Protein backbone atom coordinates (compact mmCIF):
# COMPACT_ATOMS: atom_id res chain seq x y z
CA UNK A 1 0.00 0.00 0.00
CA UNK A 2 2.74 2.48 0.83
CA UNK A 3 4.42 1.88 -2.53
CA UNK A 4 1.15 2.44 -4.37
CA UNK A 5 0.52 5.67 -2.47
CA UNK A 6 3.94 7.13 -3.20
CA UNK A 7 3.96 5.92 -6.79
CA UNK A 8 0.65 7.64 -7.45
CA UNK A 9 1.79 10.71 -5.53
CA UNK A 10 4.96 10.95 -7.62
CA UNK A 11 2.85 10.95 -10.76
CA UNK A 12 0.70 13.78 -9.40
CA UNK A 13 3.59 15.92 -8.18
CA UNK A 14 6.09 15.38 -10.95
CA UNK A 15 4.43 17.01 -13.91
CA UNK A 16 7.78 17.21 -15.67
CA UNK A 17 8.50 13.47 -15.73
CA UNK A 18 9.52 12.24 -19.14
CA UNK A 19 6.98 10.19 -21.05
CA UNK A 20 9.25 7.15 -20.75
CA UNK A 21 9.48 7.47 -16.94
CA UNK A 22 5.70 7.99 -16.64
CA UNK A 23 5.09 4.87 -18.73
CA UNK A 24 7.42 2.81 -16.52
CA UNK A 25 5.75 4.13 -13.37
CA UNK A 26 2.24 3.44 -14.72
CA UNK A 27 3.19 -0.11 -15.74
CA UNK A 28 4.81 -0.79 -12.37
CA UNK A 29 1.80 0.51 -10.43
CA UNK A 30 -0.54 -1.54 -12.62
CA UNK A 31 1.46 -4.72 -12.05
CA UNK A 32 1.52 -4.19 -8.28
CA UNK A 33 -2.23 -3.51 -8.21
CA UNK A 34 -3.02 -6.58 -10.33
CA UNK A 35 -0.95 -8.76 -8.04
CA UNK A 36 -2.42 -7.21 -4.88
CA UNK A 37 -6.02 -7.72 -5.95
CA UNK A 38 -5.48 -11.35 -6.90
CA UNK A 39 -5.00 -12.41 -3.25
CA UNK A 40 -6.47 -11.43 0.10
CA UNK A 41 -4.01 -9.19 1.96
CA UNK A 42 -4.66 -11.10 5.17
CA UNK A 43 -5.18 -14.81 4.47
CA UNK A 44 -3.57 -14.84 0.97
CA UNK A 45 -6.59 -16.68 -0.47
CA UNK A 46 -6.69 -16.43 -4.26
CA UNK A 47 -9.49 -14.38 -5.75
CA UNK A 48 -10.52 -16.93 -8.35
CA UNK A 49 -13.87 -15.80 -9.73
CA UNK A 50 -15.02 -14.06 -6.53
CA UNK A 51 -14.57 -10.34 -6.13
CA UNK A 52 -12.57 -8.86 -3.28
CA UNK A 53 -13.25 -5.69 -1.34
CA UNK A 54 -10.67 -2.92 -1.49
CA UNK A 55 -9.40 -0.83 1.42
CA UNK A 56 -11.15 2.46 0.79
CA UNK A 57 -8.54 4.47 2.67
CA UNK A 58 -5.35 3.52 0.82
CA UNK A 59 -6.79 1.59 -2.14
CA UNK A 60 -3.80 -0.74 -1.88
CA UNK A 61 -5.12 -3.78 0.00
CA UNK A 62 -7.79 -6.26 -1.06
CA UNK A 63 -9.79 -8.57 1.23
CA UNK A 64 -11.97 -11.64 0.78
CA UNK A 65 -14.24 -10.45 3.59
CA UNK A 66 -14.77 -8.13 6.54
CA UNK A 67 -13.20 -10.59 9.00
CA UNK A 68 -9.92 -10.58 7.08
CA UNK A 69 -10.01 -6.80 6.78
CA UNK A 70 -10.41 -6.38 10.56
CA UNK A 71 -7.68 -8.94 11.32
CA UNK A 72 -5.27 -7.31 8.87
CA UNK A 73 -6.01 -3.84 10.31
CA UNK A 74 -5.23 -5.07 13.83
CA UNK A 75 -2.12 -6.91 12.61
CA UNK A 76 -0.57 -3.68 11.34
CA UNK A 77 -2.27 -2.43 8.20
CA UNK A 78 -3.35 0.63 10.19
CA UNK A 79 0.33 1.63 10.32
CA UNK A 80 0.95 1.12 6.58
CA UNK A 81 -2.41 2.47 5.44
CA UNK A 82 -1.90 5.93 4.00
CA UNK A 83 -5.00 7.97 3.24
CA UNK A 84 -5.15 8.73 -0.42
C-alpha atoms as a PDB file:
ATOM      1  CA  UNK A   1       0.000   0.000   0.000  1.00  0.00           C
ATOM      2  CA  UNK A   2       2.742   2.485   0.828  1.00  0.00           C
ATOM      3  CA  UNK A   3       4.416   1.879  -2.528  1.00  0.00           C
ATOM      4  CA  UNK A   4       1.146   2.442  -4.368  1.00  0.00           C
ATOM      5  CA  UNK A   5       0.518   5.666  -2.473  1.00  0.00           C
ATOM      6  CA  UNK A   6       3.939   7.126  -3.198  1.00  0.00           C
ATOM      7  CA  UNK A   7       3.962   5.915  -6.790  1.00  0.00           C
ATOM      8  CA  UNK A   8       0.649   7.640  -7.454  1.00  0.00           C
ATOM      9  CA  UNK A   9       1.790  10.709  -5.526  1.00  0.00           C
ATOM     10  CA  UNK A  10       4.962  10.955  -7.616  1.00  0.00           C
ATOM     11  CA  UNK A  11       2.852  10.949 -10.760  1.00  0.00           C
ATOM     12  CA  UNK A  12       0.704  13.780  -9.402  1.00  0.00           C
ATOM     13  CA  UNK A  13       3.589  15.922  -8.175  1.00  0.00           C
ATOM     14  CA  UNK A  14       6.092  15.376 -10.949  1.00  0.00           C
ATOM     15  CA  UNK A  15       4.427  17.009 -13.913  1.00  0.00           C
ATOM     16  CA  UNK A  16       7.781  17.209 -15.674  1.00  0.00           C
ATOM     17  CA  UNK A  17       8.505  13.470 -15.726  1.00  0.00           C
ATOM     18  CA  UNK A  18       9.523  12.244 -19.140  1.00  0.00           C
ATOM     19  CA  UNK A  19       6.979  10.185 -21.048  1.00  0.00           C
ATOM     20  CA  UNK A  20       9.249   7.154 -20.746  1.00  0.00           C
ATOM     21  CA  UNK A  21       9.477   7.470 -16.944  1.00  0.00           C
ATOM     22  CA  UNK A  22       5.701   7.990 -16.640  1.00  0.00           C
ATOM     23  CA  UNK A  23       5.091   4.873 -18.725  1.00  0.00           C
ATOM     24  CA  UNK A  24       7.419   2.810 -16.525  1.00  0.00           C
ATOM     25  CA  UNK A  25       5.749   4.131 -13.366  1.00  0.00           C
ATOM     26  CA  UNK A  26       2.237   3.442 -14.716  1.00  0.00           C
ATOM     27  CA  UNK A  27       3.186  -0.109 -15.742  1.00  0.00           C
ATOM     28  CA  UNK A  28       4.807  -0.793 -12.370  1.00  0.00           C
ATOM     29  CA  UNK A  29       1.804   0.515 -10.426  1.00  0.00           C
ATOM     30  CA  UNK A  30      -0.545  -1.536 -12.617  1.00  0.00           C
ATOM     31  CA  UNK A  31       1.462  -4.724 -12.047  1.00  0.00           C
ATOM     32  CA  UNK A  32       1.520  -4.194  -8.277  1.00  0.00           C
ATOM     33  CA  UNK A  33      -2.234  -3.505  -8.211  1.00  0.00           C
ATOM     34  CA  UNK A  34      -3.017  -6.581 -10.326  1.00  0.00           C
ATOM     35  CA  UNK A  35      -0.952  -8.756  -8.041  1.00  0.00           C
ATOM     36  CA  UNK A  36      -2.422  -7.213  -4.883  1.00  0.00           C
ATOM     37  CA  UNK A  37      -6.017  -7.716  -5.949  1.00  0.00           C
ATOM     38  CA  UNK A  38      -5.484 -11.349  -6.904  1.00  0.00           C
ATOM     39  CA  UNK A  39      -4.998 -12.407  -3.249  1.00  0.00           C
ATOM     40  CA  UNK A  40      -6.470 -11.431   0.096  1.00  0.00           C
ATOM     41  CA  UNK A  41      -4.007  -9.192   1.959  1.00  0.00           C
ATOM     42  CA  UNK A  42      -4.664 -11.104   5.173  1.00  0.00           C
ATOM     43  CA  UNK A  43      -5.181 -14.812   4.473  1.00  0.00           C
ATOM     44  CA  UNK A  44      -3.572 -14.838   0.974  1.00  0.00           C
ATOM     45  CA  UNK A  45      -6.587 -16.685  -0.468  1.00  0.00           C
ATOM     46  CA  UNK A  46      -6.694 -16.432  -4.262  1.00  0.00           C
ATOM     47  CA  UNK A  47      -9.491 -14.381  -5.754  1.00  0.00           C
ATOM     48  CA  UNK A  48     -10.518 -16.928  -8.351  1.00  0.00           C
ATOM     49  CA  UNK A  49     -13.866 -15.800  -9.729  1.00  0.00           C
ATOM     50  CA  UNK A  50     -15.019 -14.059  -6.534  1.00  0.00           C
ATOM     51  CA  UNK A  51     -14.567 -10.338  -6.128  1.00  0.00           C
ATOM     52  CA  UNK A  52     -12.566  -8.861  -3.283  1.00  0.00           C
ATOM     53  CA  UNK A  53     -13.253  -5.688  -1.335  1.00  0.00           C
ATOM     54  CA  UNK A  54     -10.667  -2.922  -1.488  1.00  0.00           C
ATOM     55  CA  UNK A  55      -9.399  -0.834   1.418  1.00  0.00           C
ATOM     56  CA  UNK A  56     -11.152   2.463   0.792  1.00  0.00           C
ATOM     57  CA  UNK A  57      -8.538   4.469   2.671  1.00  0.00           C
ATOM     58  CA  UNK A  58      -5.348   3.521   0.824  1.00  0.00           C
ATOM     59  CA  UNK A  59      -6.786   1.586  -2.143  1.00  0.00           C
ATOM     60  CA  UNK A  60      -3.799  -0.741  -1.881  1.00  0.00           C
ATOM     61  CA  UNK A  61      -5.117  -3.780   0.005  1.00  0.00           C
ATOM     62  CA  UNK A  62      -7.786  -6.261  -1.056  1.00  0.00           C
ATOM     63  CA  UNK A  63      -9.786  -8.572   1.231  1.00  0.00           C
ATOM     64  CA  UNK A  64     -11.970 -11.643   0.783  1.00  0.00           C
ATOM     65  CA  UNK A  65     -14.245 -10.447   3.592  1.00  0.00           C
ATOM     66  CA  UNK A  66     -14.771  -8.131   6.536  1.00  0.00           C
ATOM     67  CA  UNK A  67     -13.198 -10.593   8.996  1.00  0.00           C
ATOM     68  CA  UNK A  68      -9.918 -10.579   7.079  1.00  0.00           C
ATOM     69  CA  UNK A  69     -10.011  -6.804   6.777  1.00  0.00           C
ATOM     70  CA  UNK A  70     -10.407  -6.385  10.556  1.00  0.00           C
ATOM     71  CA  UNK A  71      -7.680  -8.942  11.317  1.00  0.00           C
ATOM     72  CA  UNK A  72      -5.275  -7.309   8.867  1.00  0.00           C
ATOM     73  CA  UNK A  73      -6.006  -3.845  10.308  1.00  0.00           C
ATOM     74  CA  UNK A  74      -5.231  -5.067  13.831  1.00  0.00           C
ATOM     75  CA  UNK A  75      -2.118  -6.914  12.611  1.00  0.00           C
ATOM     76  CA  UNK A  76      -0.571  -3.684  11.339  1.00  0.00           C
ATOM     77  CA  UNK A  77      -2.274  -2.432   8.204  1.00  0.00           C
ATOM     78  CA  UNK A  78      -3.352   0.635  10.195  1.00  0.00           C
ATOM     79  CA  UNK A  79       0.331   1.633  10.322  1.00  0.00           C
ATOM     80  CA  UNK A  80       0.949   1.117   6.576  1.00  0.00           C
ATOM     81  CA  UNK A  81      -2.406   2.471   5.438  1.00  0.00           C
ATOM     82  CA  UNK A  82      -1.897   5.932   4.003  1.00  0.00           C
ATOM     83  CA  UNK A  83      -4.998   7.974   3.244  1.00  0.00           C
ATOM     84  CA  UNK A  84      -5.153   8.733  -0.418  1.00  0.00           C
END
